[in-house]
Amino acid sequence: MIRKTIALALAAGALLVAGCNTVSGAGKDLQSASKETKDAMNGK
């Protein structure tokens, strides 16, 4: 029972870490796209 609980906790932790990295990457992509759009609008 303890092994299953530990395995489940590790799997959940891995999913949370992967999810945070994905959201972080998406945020950086959106920020970059926003900057490029703003620069294009300002003629830079």
N, C-alpha and C. Protein backbone atom coordinates (compact mmCIF):
# COMPACT_ATOMS: atom_id res chain seq x y z
N MET A 1 0.83 -1.19 0.00
CA MET A 1 0.00 0.00 0.00
C MET A 1 0.87 1.26 0.00
N ILE A 2 1.94 1.25 0.79
CA ILE A 2 2.84 2.41 0.87
C ILE A 2 3.51 2.62 -0.48
N ARG A 3 3.92 1.56 -1.15
CA ARG A 3 4.58 1.68 -2.45
C ARG A 3 3.65 2.32 -3.48
N LYS A 4 2.40 1.92 -3.48
CA LYS A 4 1.44 2.49 -4.42
C LYS A 4 1.23 3.98 -4.14
N THR A 5 1.16 4.34 -2.87
CA THR A 5 0.98 5.74 -2.49
C THR A 5 2.18 6.58 -2.93
N ILE A 6 3.37 6.05 -2.69
CA ILE A 6 4.59 6.77 -3.10
C ILE A 6 4.65 6.89 -4.61
N ALA A 7 4.34 5.82 -5.32
CA ALA A 7 4.36 5.86 -6.79
C ALA A 7 3.35 6.87 -7.32
N LEU A 8 2.18 6.92 -6.73
CA LEU A 8 1.15 7.87 -7.14
C LEU A 8 1.59 9.30 -6.86
N ALA A 9 2.21 9.52 -5.71
CA ALA A 9 2.69 10.87 -5.37
C ALA A 9 3.79 11.31 -6.33
N LEU A 10 4.70 10.41 -6.68
CA LEU A 10 5.77 10.75 -7.62
C LEU A 10 5.22 11.04 -9.01
N ALA A 11 4.24 10.25 -9.45
CA ALA A 11 3.64 10.48 -10.76
C ALA A 11 2.91 11.82 -10.79
N ALA A 12 2.19 12.13 -9.73
CA ALA A 12 1.48 13.41 -9.65
C ALA A 12 2.46 14.57 -9.64
N GLY A 13 3.55 14.43 -8.91
CA GLY A 13 4.57 15.47 -8.87
C GLY A 13 5.21 15.70 -10.24
N ALA A 14 5.47 14.60 -10.95
CA ALA A 14 6.06 14.72 -12.28
C ALA A 14 5.11 15.43 -13.23
N LEU A 15 3.83 15.13 -13.15
CA LEU A 15 2.85 15.80 -14.00
C LEU A 15 2.74 17.29 -13.67
N LEU A 16 2.81 17.63 -12.41
CA LEU A 16 2.74 19.04 -12.02
C LEU A 16 3.95 19.80 -12.53
N VAL A 17 5.13 19.21 -12.42
CA VAL A 17 6.34 19.87 -12.90
C VAL A 17 6.28 20.04 -14.41
N ALA A 18 5.85 19.01 -15.12
CA ALA A 18 5.74 19.10 -16.58
C ALA A 18 4.71 20.15 -16.96
N GLY A 19 3.61 20.22 -16.25
CA GLY A 19 2.57 21.21 -16.53
C GLY A 19 3.07 22.63 -16.32
N CYS A 20 3.83 22.84 -15.27
CA CYS A 20 4.38 24.18 -15.00
C CYS A 20 5.34 24.60 -16.09
N ASN A 21 6.17 23.68 -16.55
CA ASN A 21 7.11 24.01 -17.61
C ASN A 21 6.36 24.35 -18.89
N THR A 22 5.30 23.64 -19.18
CA THR A 22 4.53 23.90 -20.39
C THR A 22 3.87 25.27 -20.33
N VAL A 23 3.27 25.59 -19.20
CA VAL A 23 2.61 26.89 -19.05
C VAL A 23 3.64 28.01 -19.10
N SER A 24 4.78 27.78 -18.48
CA SER A 24 5.84 28.78 -18.51
C SER A 24 6.31 29.03 -19.93
N GLY A 25 6.50 27.98 -20.70
CA GLY A 25 6.92 28.11 -22.10
C GLY A 25 5.88 28.84 -22.93
N ALA A 26 4.62 28.52 -22.69
CA ALA A 26 3.55 29.18 -23.43
C ALA A 26 3.51 30.67 -23.08
N GLY A 27 3.73 30.99 -21.84
CA GLY A 27 3.75 32.39 -21.42
C GLY A 27 4.88 33.16 -22.10
N LYS A 28 6.04 32.54 -22.20
CA LYS A 28 7.17 33.19 -22.87
C LYS A 28 6.88 33.38 -24.36
N ASP A 29 6.24 32.39 -24.98
CA ASP A 29 5.88 32.51 -26.40
C ASP A 29 4.91 33.66 -26.61
N LEU A 30 3.91 33.78 -25.76
CA LEU A 30 2.93 34.86 -25.88
C LEU A 30 3.58 36.22 -25.65
N GLN A 31 4.49 36.27 -24.70
CA GLN A 31 5.18 37.53 -24.43
C GLN A 31 6.02 37.94 -25.63
N SER A 32 6.70 36.98 -26.24
CA SER A 32 7.52 37.26 -27.41
C SER A 32 6.65 37.73 -28.58
N ALA A 33 5.54 37.06 -28.80
CA ALA A 33 4.64 37.43 -29.89
C ALA A 33 4.07 38.83 -29.66
N SER A 34 3.75 39.14 -28.42
CA SER A 34 3.22 40.46 -28.08
C SER A 34 4.25 41.54 -28.37
N LYS A 35 5.50 41.29 -28.01
CA LYS A 35 6.57 42.26 -28.25
C LYS A 35 6.77 42.48 -29.74
N GLU A 36 6.76 41.39 -30.52
CA GLU A 36 6.95 41.50 -31.96
C GLU A 36 5.80 42.28 -32.61
N THR A 37 4.58 42.05 -32.14
CA THR A 37 3.42 42.77 -32.66
C THR A 37 3.52 44.25 -32.33
N LYS A 38 3.89 44.55 -31.10
CA LYS A 38 4.03 45.94 -30.68
C LYS A 38 5.13 46.64 -31.51
N ASP A 39 6.26 45.96 -31.72
CA ASP A 39 7.34 46.52 -32.52
C ASP A 39 6.90 46.77 -33.96
N ALA A 40 6.13 45.84 -34.51
CA ALA A 40 5.64 45.99 -35.89
C ALA A 40 4.69 47.18 -36.00
N MET A 41 3.86 47.37 -34.99
CA MET A 41 2.91 48.48 -35.00
C MET A 41 3.62 49.82 -34.85
N ASN A 42 4.76 49.81 -34.14
CA ASN A 42 5.52 51.05 -33.93
C ASN A 42 6.57 51.27 -35.00
N GLY A 43 6.66 50.38 -35.99
CA GLY A 43 7.59 50.53 -37.08
C GLY A 43 9.04 50.24 -36.74
N LYS A 44 9.26 49.38 -35.78
CA LYS A 44 10.63 49.03 -35.39
C LYS A 44 11.11 47.79 -36.09
